[in-house]
Amino acid sequence: RHLVVGKRGAVATSQPQAALAGME
């Protein structure tokens, strides 16, 4: 995996759909 970089916000968790929920 590669490091993910952003400026305004970030989320990380054990399920992709849950991460999408946070980003929503």
PDB file of all heavy atoms in Angstrom:
ATOM      1  N   ARG A   1       0.848  -1.183   0.000  1.00  0.00           N
ATOM      2  CA  ARG A   1       0.000   0.000   0.000  1.00  0.00           C
ATOM      3  C   ARG A   1       0.891   1.244   0.000  1.00  0.00           C
ATOM      4  O   ARG A   1       2.010   1.216   0.495  1.00  0.00           O
ATOM      5  CB  ARG A   1      -0.896   0.016   1.238  1.00  0.00           C
ATOM      6  CG  ARG A   1      -1.919  -1.117   1.294  1.00  0.00           C
ATOM      7  CD  ARG A   1      -2.743  -0.988   2.559  1.00  0.00           C
ATOM      8  NE  ARG A   1      -3.685  -2.064   2.725  1.00  0.00           N
ATOM      9  CZ  ARG A   1      -4.934  -2.061   2.291  1.00  0.00           C
ATOM     10  NH1 ARG A   1      -5.380  -1.007   1.624  1.00  0.00           N
ATOM     11  NH2 ARG A   1      -5.743  -3.082   2.500  1.00  0.00           N
ATOM     12  N   HIS A   2       0.352   2.341  -0.524  1.00  0.00           N
ATOM     13  CA  HIS A   2       1.069   3.604  -0.533  1.00  0.00           C
ATOM     14  C   HIS A   2       0.423   4.567   0.444  1.00  0.00           C
ATOM     15  O   HIS A   2      -0.777   4.519   0.711  1.00  0.00           O
ATOM     16  CB  HIS A   2       1.053   4.227  -1.933  1.00  0.00           C
ATOM     17  CG  HIS A   2       1.917   3.510  -2.918  1.00  0.00           C
ATOM     18  ND1 HIS A   2       3.230   3.847  -3.148  1.00  0.00           N
ATOM     19  CD2 HIS A   2       1.657   2.454  -3.720  1.00  0.00           C
ATOM     20  CE1 HIS A   2       3.750   3.027  -4.060  1.00  0.00           C
ATOM     21  NE2 HIS A   2       2.806   2.175  -4.426  1.00  0.00           N
ATOM     22  N   LEU A   3       1.215   5.457   0.982  1.00  0.00           N
ATOM     23  CA  LEU A   3       0.727   6.516   1.845  1.00  0.00           C
ATOM     24  C   LEU A   3      -0.246   7.398   1.058  1.00  0.00           C
ATOM     25  O   LEU A   3      -0.007   7.708  -0.109  1.00  0.00           O
ATOM     26  CB  LEU A   3       1.915   7.345   2.331  1.00  0.00           C
ATOM     27  CG  LEU A   3       1.713   8.280   3.513  1.00  0.00           C
ATOM     28  CD1 LEU A   3       1.419   7.476   4.774  1.00  0.00           C
ATOM     29  CD2 LEU A   3       2.972   9.117   3.721  1.00  0.00           C
ATOM     30  N   VAL A   4      -1.342   7.791   1.697  1.00  0.00           N
ATOM     31  CA  VAL A   4      -2.326   8.677   1.071  1.00  0.00           C
ATOM     32  C   VAL A   4      -2.138  10.072   1.657  1.00  0.00           C
ATOM     33  O   VAL A   4      -2.042  10.240   2.873  1.00  0.00           O
ATOM     34  CB  VAL A   4      -3.759   8.164   1.334  1.00  0.00           C
ATOM     35  CG1 VAL A   4      -4.783   9.129   0.749  1.00  0.00           C
ATOM     36  CG2 VAL A   4      -3.932   6.772   0.734  1.00  0.00           C
ATOM     37  N   VAL A   5      -2.095  11.071   0.792  1.00  0.00           N
ATOM     38  CA  VAL A   5      -1.783  12.438   1.223  1.00  0.00           C
ATOM     39  C   VAL A   5      -2.907  13.373   0.802  1.00  0.00           C
ATOM     40  O   VAL A   5      -3.404  13.301  -0.325  1.00  0.00           O
ATOM     41  CB  VAL A   5      -0.451  12.915   0.608  1.00  0.00           C
ATOM     42  CG1 VAL A   5      -0.105  14.319   1.092  1.00  0.00           C
ATOM     43  CG2 VAL A   5       0.671  11.943   0.955  1.00  0.00           C
ATOM     44  N   GLY A   6      -3.321  14.237   1.719  1.00  0.00           N
ATOM     45  CA  GLY A   6      -4.355  15.215   1.424  1.00  0.00           C
ATOM     46  C   GLY A   6      -4.117  16.496   2.193  1.00  0.00           C
ATOM     47  O   GLY A   6      -3.159  16.617   2.958  1.00  0.00           O
ATOM     48  N   LYS A   7      -5.038  17.441   2.028  1.00  0.00           N
ATOM     49  CA  LYS A   7      -4.898  18.741   2.680  1.00  0.00           C
ATOM     50  C   LYS A   7      -6.078  19.067   3.590  1.00  0.00           C
ATOM     51  O   LYS A   7      -5.901  19.606   4.677  1.00  0.00           O
ATOM     52  CB  LYS A   7      -4.753  19.836   1.615  1.00  0.00           C
ATOM     53  CG  LYS A   7      -4.628  21.243   2.187  1.00  0.00           C
ATOM     54  CD  LYS A   7      -4.535  22.259   1.069  1.00  0.00           C
ATOM     55  CE  LYS A   7      -4.462  23.689   1.646  1.00  0.00           C
ATOM     56  NZ  LYS A   7      -4.434  24.716   0.574  1.00  0.00           N
ATOM     57  N   ARG A   8      -7.303  18.734   3.153  1.00  0.00           N
ATOM     58  CA  ARG A   8      -8.501  19.188   3.864  1.00  0.00           C
ATOM     59  C   ARG A   8      -9.036  18.182   4.862  1.00  0.00           C
ATOM     60  O   ARG A   8      -9.617  18.556   5.884  1.00  0.00           O
ATOM     61  CB  ARG A   8      -9.593  19.538   2.856  1.00  0.00           C
ATOM     62  CG  ARG A   8      -9.223  20.675   1.924  1.00  0.00           C
ATOM     63  CD  ARG A   8     -10.263  20.874   0.846  1.00  0.00           C
ATOM     64  NE  ARG A   8      -9.884  21.958  -0.066  1.00  0.00           N
ATOM     65  CZ  ARG A   8      -9.092  21.793  -1.107  1.00  0.00           C
ATOM     66  NH1 ARG A   8      -8.582  20.599  -1.379  1.00  0.00           N
ATOM     67  NH2 ARG A   8      -8.784  22.824  -1.880  1.00  0.00           N
ATOM     68  N   GLY A   9      -8.887  16.900   4.558  1.00  0.00           N
ATOM     69  CA  GLY A   9      -9.434  15.892   5.452  1.00  0.00           C
ATOM     70  C   GLY A   9      -8.916  14.516   5.092  1.00  0.00           C
ATOM     71  O   GLY A   9      -8.445  14.282   3.970  1.00  0.00           O
ATOM     72  N   ALA A  10      -9.005  13.599   6.052  1.00  0.00           N
ATOM     73  CA  ALA A  10      -8.538  12.236   5.822  1.00  0.00           C
ATOM     74  C   ALA A  10      -9.284  11.283   6.740  1.00  0.00           C
ATOM     75  O   ALA A  10      -9.669  11.633   7.859  1.00  0.00           O
ATOM     76  CB  ALA A  10      -7.033  12.119   6.059  1.00  0.00           C
ATOM     77  N   VAL A  11      -9.470  10.057   6.249  1.00  0.00           N
ATOM     78  CA  VAL A  11     -10.099   8.995   7.037  1.00  0.00           C
ATOM     79  C   VAL A  11      -9.362   7.696   6.757  1.00  0.00           C
ATOM     80  O   VAL A  11      -8.768   7.513   5.688  1.00  0.00           O
ATOM     81  CB  VAL A  11     -11.600   8.822   6.690  1.00  0.00           C
ATOM     82  CG1 VAL A  11     -12.395  10.058   7.059  1.00  0.00           C
ATOM     83  CG2 VAL A  11     -11.786   8.480   5.207  1.00  0.00           C
ATOM     84  N   ALA A  12      -9.417   6.778   7.717  1.00  0.00           N
ATOM     85  CA  ALA A  12      -8.820   5.456   7.518  1.00  0.00           C
ATOM     86  C   ALA A  12      -9.532   4.472   8.426  1.00  0.00           C
ATOM     87  O   ALA A  12      -9.743   4.742   9.612  1.00  0.00           O
ATOM     88  CB  ALA A  12      -7.328   5.482   7.841  1.00  0.00           C
ATOM     89  N   THR A  13      -9.892   3.329   7.861  1.00  0.00           N
ATOM     90  CA  THR A  13     -10.502   2.272   8.661  1.00  0.00           C
ATOM     91  C   THR A  13     -10.401   0.946   7.923  1.00  0.00           C
ATOM     92  O   THR A  13      -9.842   0.873   6.820  1.00  0.00           O
ATOM     93  CB  THR A  13     -11.954   2.612   9.042  1.00  0.00           C
ATOM     94  OG1 THR A  13     -12.409   1.708  10.048  1.00  0.00           O
ATOM     95  CG2 THR A  13     -12.885   2.557   7.839  1.00  0.00           C
ATOM     96  N   SER A  14     -10.969  -0.111   8.527  1.00  0.00           N
ATOM     97  CA  SER A  14     -10.727  -1.476   8.055  1.00  0.00           C
ATOM     98  C   SER A  14     -11.658  -1.939   6.941  1.00  0.00           C
ATOM     99  O   SER A  14     -11.507  -3.050   6.453  1.00  0.00           O
ATOM    100  CB  SER A  14     -10.820  -2.455   9.233  1.00  0.00           C
ATOM    101  OG  SER A  14     -12.049  -2.302   9.910  1.00  0.00           O
ATOM    102  N   GLN A  15     -12.621  -1.124   6.524  1.00  0.00           N
ATOM    103  CA  GLN A  15     -13.504  -1.453   5.413  1.00  0.00           C
ATOM    104  C   GLN A  15     -13.581  -0.290   4.443  1.00  0.00           C
ATOM    105  O   GLN A  15     -13.854   0.846   4.851  1.00  0.00           O
ATOM    106  CB  GLN A  15     -14.910  -1.793   5.926  1.00  0.00           C
ATOM    107  CG  GLN A  15     -14.999  -3.101   6.674  1.00  0.00           C
ATOM    108  CD  GLN A  15     -14.635  -4.283   5.797  1.00  0.00           C
ATOM    109  OE1 GLN A  15     -15.157  -4.448   4.691  1.00  0.00           O
ATOM    110  NE2 GLN A  15     -13.718  -5.105   6.277  1.00  0.00           N
ATOM    111  N   PRO A  16     -13.354  -0.530   3.132  1.00  0.00           N
ATOM    112  CA  PRO A  16     -13.406   0.570   2.167  1.00  0.00           C
ATOM    113  C   PRO A  16     -14.736   1.319   2.165  1.00  0.00           C
ATOM    114  O   PRO A  16     -14.762   2.546   2.090  1.00  0.00           O
ATOM    115  CB  PRO A  16     -13.165  -0.139   0.818  1.00  0.00           C
ATOM    116  CG  PRO A  16     -12.370  -1.350   1.177  1.00  0.00           C
ATOM    117  CD  PRO A  16     -12.911  -1.797   2.497  1.00  0.00           C
ATOM    118  N   GLN A  17     -15.874   0.566   2.265  1.00  0.00           N
ATOM    119  CA  GLN A  17     -17.174   1.244   2.252  1.00  0.00           C
ATOM    120  C   GLN A  17     -17.356   2.140   3.468  1.00  0.00           C
ATOM    121  O   GLN A  17     -18.011   3.178   3.399  1.00  0.00           O
ATOM    122  CB  GLN A  17     -18.313   0.224   2.193  1.00  0.00           C
ATOM    123  CG  GLN A  17     -18.334  -0.616   0.931  1.00  0.00           C
ATOM    124  CD  GLN A  17     -17.705  -1.981   1.158  1.00  0.00           C
ATOM    125  OE1 GLN A  17     -16.688  -2.104   1.853  1.00  0.00           O
ATOM    126  NE2 GLN A  17     -18.293  -3.016   0.570  1.00  0.00           N
ATOM    127  N   ALA A  18     -16.772   1.742   4.591  1.00  0.00           N
ATOM    128  CA  ALA A  18     -16.847   2.589   5.788  1.00  0.00           C
ATOM    129  C   ALA A  18     -16.001   3.846   5.610  1.00  0.00           C
ATOM    130  O   ALA A  18     -16.402   4.941   6.028  1.00  0.00           O
ATOM    131  CB  ALA A  18     -16.395   1.806   7.016  1.00  0.00           C
ATOM    132  N   ALA A  19     -14.824   3.696   5.005  1.00  0.00           N
ATOM    133  CA  ALA A  19     -14.007   4.872   4.717  1.00  0.00           C
ATOM    134  C   ALA A  19     -14.753   5.832   3.791  1.00  0.00           C
ATOM    135  O   ALA A  19     -14.705   7.057   3.973  1.00  0.00           O
ATOM    136  CB  ALA A  19     -12.677   4.450   4.102  1.00  0.00           C
ATOM    137  N   LEU A  20     -15.460   5.260   2.815  1.00  0.00           N
ATOM    138  CA  LEU A  20     -16.265   6.098   1.920  1.00  0.00           C
ATOM    139  C   LEU A  20     -17.363   6.825   2.681  1.00  0.00           C
ATOM    140  O   LEU A  20     -17.667   7.992   2.395  1.00  0.00           O
ATOM    141  CB  LEU A  20     -16.880   5.239   0.814  1.00  0.00           C
ATOM    142  CG  LEU A  20     -15.920   4.737  -0.263  1.00  0.00           C
ATOM    143  CD1 LEU A  20     -16.608   3.708  -1.158  1.00  0.00           C
ATOM    144  CD2 LEU A  20     -15.401   5.900  -1.108  1.00  0.00           C
ATOM    145  N   ALA A  21     -17.954   6.152   3.670  1.00  0.00           N
ATOM    146  CA  ALA A  21     -18.978   6.794   4.497  1.00  0.00           C
ATOM    147  C   ALA A  21     -18.406   8.007   5.216  1.00  0.00           C
ATOM    148  O   ALA A  21     -19.038   9.077   5.285  1.00  0.00           O
ATOM    149  CB  ALA A  21     -19.543   5.792   5.502  1.00  0.00           C
ATOM    150  N   GLY A  22     -17.205   7.856   5.757  1.00  0.00           N
ATOM    151  CA  GLY A  22     -16.565   8.984   6.413  1.00  0.00           C
ATOM    152  C   GLY A  22     -16.266  10.118   5.459  1.00  0.00           C
ATOM    153  O   GLY A  22     -16.494  11.296   5.773  1.00  0.00           O
ATOM    154  N   MET A  23     -15.772   9.778   4.278  1.00  0.00           N
ATOM    155  CA  MET A  23     -15.460  10.810   3.294  1.00  0.00           C
ATOM    156  C   MET A  23     -16.725  11.518   2.803  1.00  0.00           C
ATOM    157  O   MET A  23     -16.709  12.728   2.546  1.00  0.00           O
ATOM    158  CB  MET A  23     -14.690  10.200   2.123  1.00  0.00           C
ATOM    159  CG  MET A  23     -14.153  11.226   1.136  1.00  0.00           C
ATOM    160  SD  MET A  23     -13.123  12.538   1.874  1.00  0.00           S
ATOM    161  CE  MET A  23     -11.661  11.612   2.350  1.00  0.00           C
ATOM    162  N   GLU A  24     -17.837  10.772   2.699  1.00  0.00           N
ATOM    163  CA  GLU A  24     -19.117  11.404   2.343  1.00  0.00           C
ATOM    164  C   GLU A  24     -19.436  12.544   3.300  1.00  0.00           C
ATOM    165  O   GLU A  24     -19.882  13.617   2.890  1.00  0.00           O
ATOM    166  CB  GLU A  24     -20.259  10.374   2.401  1.00  0.00           C
ATOM    167  CG  GLU A  24     -20.413   9.485   1.204  1.00  0.00           C
ATOM    168  CD  GLU A  24     -21.649   8.599   1.333  1.00  0.00           C
ATOM    169  OE1 GLU A  24     -22.720   9.139   1.678  1.00  0.00           O
ATOM    170  OE2 GLU A  24     -21.542   7.380   1.110  1.00  0.00           O
TER     171      GLU A  24
END
